[in-house]
Amino acid sequence: MCKYLKIEDHTFTNMKHKYPQIQEAIDKPRYELKKDLASAMYKKAMGYESVDEDQLIEEKDDKQMKKVHRVKKQIGPDYKVITYLLTKKFGKEYSERFEDLQLMEKKIAMQKEEWSKDDGKNDDNNNI
């Protein structure tokens, strides 16, 4: 952006601090895009209805007839999107690889070494 405006980075940063409207103008489209993407993902996760419409114009006896052919399709929920949203919002227990993660955590826990605090009482070299 700075290159396009032909200004230095620090000048642009100073302008954003001085004029908060600049930062708002940058943040608002990003927030709107995020909101639209989340809405589309939610729609795909929950399923939706789609209507396809075809219009045919026929001429018969010097009259035009218009036919509209509508087809409603029910799009079912997408399992992968549901899993992704549940994992992101409510934790790894909804992950497809939850059992694998549990096994890995158990292996890591079993491999941990226990370190005891050495206070020097059992060390024979302390008497030197």
C-alpha atoms as a PDB file:
ATOM      1  CA  MET A   1       0.000   0.000   0.000  1.00  0.00           C
ATOM      2  CA  CYS A   2       2.824   2.343   0.878  1.00  0.00           C
ATOM      3  CA  LYS A   3       4.507   1.662  -2.447  1.00  0.00           C
ATOM      4  CA  TYR A   4       1.277   2.488  -4.282  1.00  0.00           C
ATOM      5  CA  LEU A   5       0.852   5.712  -2.281  1.00  0.00           C
ATOM      6  CA  LYS A   6       4.583   6.489  -2.729  1.00  0.00           C
ATOM      7  CA  ILE A   7       5.201   7.063   0.968  1.00  0.00           C
ATOM      8  CA  GLU A   8       7.500   5.459   3.518  1.00  0.00           C
ATOM      9  CA  ASP A   9       6.282   2.719   5.872  1.00  0.00           C
ATOM     10  CA  HIS A  10       6.895   4.797   8.997  1.00  0.00           C
ATOM     11  CA  THR A  11       4.953   7.724   7.506  1.00  0.00           C
ATOM     12  CA  PHE A  12       1.966   5.485   6.898  1.00  0.00           C
ATOM     13  CA  THR A  13       2.224   4.068  10.420  1.00  0.00           C
ATOM     14  CA  ASN A  14       2.293   7.584  11.863  1.00  0.00           C
ATOM     15  CA  MET A  15      -0.740   8.545   9.777  1.00  0.00           C
ATOM     16  CA  LYS A  16      -2.670   5.503  11.065  1.00  0.00           C
ATOM     17  CA  HIS A  17      -1.939   6.572  14.652  1.00  0.00           C
ATOM     18  CA  LYS A  18      -2.826  10.192  13.981  1.00  0.00           C
ATOM     19  CA  TYR A  19      -5.978   9.431  11.953  1.00  0.00           C
ATOM     20  CA  PRO A  20      -7.837   6.359  13.301  1.00  0.00           C
ATOM     21  CA  GLN A  21     -10.163   6.431  10.285  1.00  0.00           C
ATOM     22  CA  ILE A  22      -7.318   5.013   8.188  1.00  0.00           C
ATOM     23  CA  GLN A  23      -6.976   1.960  10.418  1.00  0.00           C
ATOM     24  CA  GLU A  24     -10.761   1.538  10.444  1.00  0.00           C
ATOM     25  CA  ALA A  25     -10.819   1.666   6.640  1.00  0.00           C
ATOM     26  CA  ILE A  26      -8.239  -1.146   6.591  1.00  0.00           C
ATOM     27  CA  ASP A  27      -9.907  -3.266   9.286  1.00  0.00           C
ATOM     28  CA  LYS A  28     -13.549  -3.043   8.147  1.00  0.00           C
ATOM     29  CA  PRO A  29     -13.219  -4.901   4.796  1.00  0.00           C
ATOM     30  CA  ARG A  30     -11.112  -7.571   6.480  1.00  0.00           C
ATOM     31  CA  TYR A  31     -13.764  -8.074   9.169  1.00  0.00           C
ATOM     32  CA  GLU A  32     -16.542  -8.193   6.551  1.00  0.00           C
ATOM     33  CA  LEU A  33     -14.636 -10.820   4.542  1.00  0.00           C
ATOM     34  CA  LYS A  34     -14.103 -12.890   7.680  1.00  0.00           C
ATOM     35  CA  LYS A  35     -17.796 -12.639   8.525  1.00  0.00           C
ATOM     36  CA  ASP A  36     -18.838 -13.653   4.991  1.00  0.00           C
ATOM     37  CA  LEU A  37     -16.455 -16.631   4.953  1.00  0.00           C
ATOM     38  CA  ALA A  38     -17.661 -17.814   8.363  1.00  0.00           C
ATOM     39  CA  SER A  39     -21.258 -17.478   7.182  1.00  0.00           C
ATOM     40  CA  ALA A  40     -20.536 -19.498   4.027  1.00  0.00           C
ATOM     41  CA  MET A  41     -18.794 -22.187   6.073  1.00  0.00           C
ATOM     42  CA  TYR A  42     -21.728 -22.347   8.483  1.00  0.00           C
ATOM     43  CA  LYS A  43     -24.159 -22.634   5.561  1.00  0.00           C
ATOM     44  CA  LYS A  44     -22.136 -25.497   4.078  1.00  0.00           C
ATOM     45  CA  ALA A  45     -21.924 -27.214   7.473  1.00  0.00           C
ATOM     46  CA  MET A  46     -25.656 -27.029   8.130  1.00  0.00           C
ATOM     47  CA  GLY A  47     -26.868 -27.756   4.600  1.00  0.00           C
ATOM     48  CA  TYR A  48     -29.036 -25.543   2.441  1.00  0.00           C
ATOM     49  CA  GLU A  49     -31.581 -25.493  -0.352  1.00  0.00           C
ATOM     50  CA  SER A  50     -30.678 -24.447  -3.881  1.00  0.00           C
ATOM     51  CA  VAL A  51     -33.097 -23.434  -6.626  1.00  0.00           C
ATOM     52  CA  ASP A  52     -32.032 -23.773 -10.262  1.00  0.00           C
ATOM     53  CA  GLU A  53     -34.208 -21.935 -12.724  1.00  0.00           C
ATOM     54  CA  ASP A  54     -34.342 -22.323 -16.522  1.00  0.00           C
ATOM     55  CA  GLN A  55     -36.478 -20.102 -18.755  1.00  0.00           C
ATOM     56  CA  LEU A  56     -37.617 -21.268 -22.164  1.00  0.00           C
ATOM     57  CA  ILE A  57     -39.343 -19.028 -24.664  1.00  0.00           C
ATOM     58  CA  GLU A  58     -41.411 -20.803 -27.315  1.00  0.00           C
ATOM     59  CA  GLU A  59     -43.224 -19.311 -30.233  1.00  0.00           C
ATOM     60  CA  LYS A  60     -46.503 -20.964 -31.117  1.00  0.00           C
ATOM     61  CA  ASP A  61     -49.124 -19.509 -33.431  1.00  0.00           C
ATOM     62  CA  ASP A  62     -47.418 -16.091 -33.414  1.00  0.00           C
ATOM     63  CA  LYS A  63     -47.508 -16.026 -29.635  1.00  0.00           C
ATOM     64  CA  GLN A  64     -44.577 -16.218 -27.331  1.00  0.00           C
ATOM     65  CA  MET A  65     -44.891 -18.554 -24.413  1.00  0.00           C
ATOM     66  CA  LYS A  66     -42.529 -18.415 -21.546  1.00  0.00           C
ATOM     67  CA  LYS A  67     -41.873 -21.551 -19.540  1.00  0.00           C
ATOM     68  CA  VAL A  68     -40.041 -21.439 -16.279  1.00  0.00           C
ATOM     69  CA  HIS A  69     -38.597 -24.695 -15.032  1.00  0.00           C
ATOM     70  CA  ARG A  70     -37.521 -24.615 -11.375  1.00  0.00           C
ATOM     71  CA  VAL A  71     -35.636 -27.399  -9.680  1.00  0.00           C
ATOM     72  CA  LYS A  72     -35.133 -27.339  -5.924  1.00  0.00           C
ATOM     73  CA  LYS A  73     -32.149 -29.217  -4.591  1.00  0.00           C
ATOM     74  CA  GLN A  74     -31.483 -29.935  -0.967  1.00  0.00           C
ATOM     75  CA  ILE A  75     -27.751 -29.824  -0.250  1.00  0.00           C
ATOM     76  CA  GLY A  76     -26.937 -31.882   2.823  1.00  0.00           C
ATOM     77  CA  PRO A  77     -24.523 -30.946   5.589  1.00  0.00           C
ATOM     78  CA  ASP A  78     -20.823 -31.402   4.916  1.00  0.00           C
ATOM     79  CA  TYR A  79     -19.223 -33.669   7.526  1.00  0.00           C
ATOM     80  CA  LYS A  80     -15.710 -32.249   7.095  1.00  0.00           C
ATOM     81  CA  VAL A  81     -16.869 -28.671   7.599  1.00  0.00           C
ATOM     82  CA  ILE A  82     -18.868 -29.696  10.675  1.00  0.00           C
ATOM     83  CA  THR A  83     -15.799 -31.462  12.115  1.00  0.00           C
ATOM     84  CA  TYR A  84     -13.590 -28.455  11.390  1.00  0.00           C
ATOM     85  CA  LEU A  85     -15.968 -26.004  13.063  1.00  0.00           C
ATOM     86  CA  LEU A  86     -16.482 -28.240  16.103  1.00  0.00           C
ATOM     87  CA  THR A  87     -12.728 -28.763  16.475  1.00  0.00           C
ATOM     88  CA  LYS A  88     -11.979 -25.034  16.231  1.00  0.00           C
ATOM     89  CA  LYS A  89     -14.784 -23.965  18.550  1.00  0.00           C
ATOM     90  CA  PHE A  90     -15.007 -26.776  21.100  1.00  0.00           C
ATOM     91  CA  GLY A  91     -11.664 -28.538  21.115  1.00  0.00           C
ATOM     92  CA  LYS A  92      -9.789 -31.536  19.867  1.00  0.00           C
ATOM     93  CA  GLU A  93     -12.315 -34.118  21.111  1.00  0.00           C
ATOM     94  CA  TYR A  94     -14.249 -33.483  17.884  1.00  0.00           C
ATOM     95  CA  SER A  95     -11.218 -34.051  15.682  1.00  0.00           C
ATOM     96  CA  GLU A  96     -11.256 -36.924  13.211  1.00  0.00           C
ATOM     97  CA  ARG A  97      -7.968 -38.106  14.711  1.00  0.00           C
ATOM     98  CA  PHE A  98      -8.976 -37.768  18.364  1.00  0.00           C
ATOM     99  CA  GLU A  99      -8.052 -41.376  19.188  1.00  0.00           C
ATOM    100  CA  ASP A 100      -4.638 -40.951  17.528  1.00  0.00           C
ATOM    101  CA  LEU A 101      -4.028 -37.782  19.532  1.00  0.00           C
ATOM    102  CA  GLN A 102      -4.933 -39.553  22.767  1.00  0.00           C
ATOM    103  CA  LEU A 103      -2.512 -42.402  22.017  1.00  0.00           C
ATOM    104  CA  MET A 104       0.286 -39.946  21.230  1.00  0.00           C
ATOM    105  CA  GLU A 105      -0.358 -38.062  24.482  1.00  0.00           C
ATOM    106  CA  LYS A 106      -0.192 -41.338  26.439  1.00  0.00           C
ATOM    107  CA  LYS A 107       3.087 -42.280  24.738  1.00  0.00           C
ATOM    108  CA  ILE A 108       4.573 -38.885  25.529  1.00  0.00           C
ATOM    109  CA  ALA A 109       3.421 -39.097  29.143  1.00  0.00           C
ATOM    110  CA  MET A 110       4.979 -42.557  29.515  1.00  0.00           C
ATOM    111  CA  GLN A 111       8.290 -41.384  28.037  1.00  0.00           C
ATOM    112  CA  LYS A 112       8.666 -38.420  30.372  1.00  0.00           C
ATOM    113  CA  GLU A 113      11.503 -38.830  32.791  1.00  0.00           C
ATOM    114  CA  GLU A 114      11.008 -37.926  36.383  1.00  0.00           C
ATOM    115  CA  TRP A 115      13.686 -35.606  37.656  1.00  0.00           C
ATOM    116  CA  SER A 116      14.274 -35.553  41.358  1.00  0.00           C
ATOM    117  CA  LYS A 117      15.687 -32.538  43.119  1.00  0.00           C
ATOM    118  CA  ASP A 118      19.282 -33.230  44.120  1.00  0.00           C
ATOM    119  CA  ASP A 119      19.867 -31.733  47.556  1.00  0.00           C
ATOM    120  CA  GLY A 120      23.344 -33.256  47.894  1.00  0.00           C
ATOM    121  CA  LYS A 121      22.616 -35.497  50.884  1.00  0.00           C
ATOM    122  CA  ASN A 122      23.452 -38.743  49.075  1.00  0.00           C
ATOM    123  CA  ASP A 123      26.530 -37.436  47.284  1.00  0.00           C
ATOM    124  CA  ASP A 124      29.821 -38.851  48.600  1.00  0.00           C
ATOM    125  CA  ASN A 125      31.806 -36.076  46.939  1.00  0.00           C
ATOM    126  CA  ASN A 126      30.332 -33.400  49.220  1.00  0.00           C
ATOM    127  CA  ASN A 127      32.790 -34.266  51.998  1.00  0.00           C
ATOM    128  CA  ILE A 128      35.890 -33.348  49.998  1.00  0.00           C
END
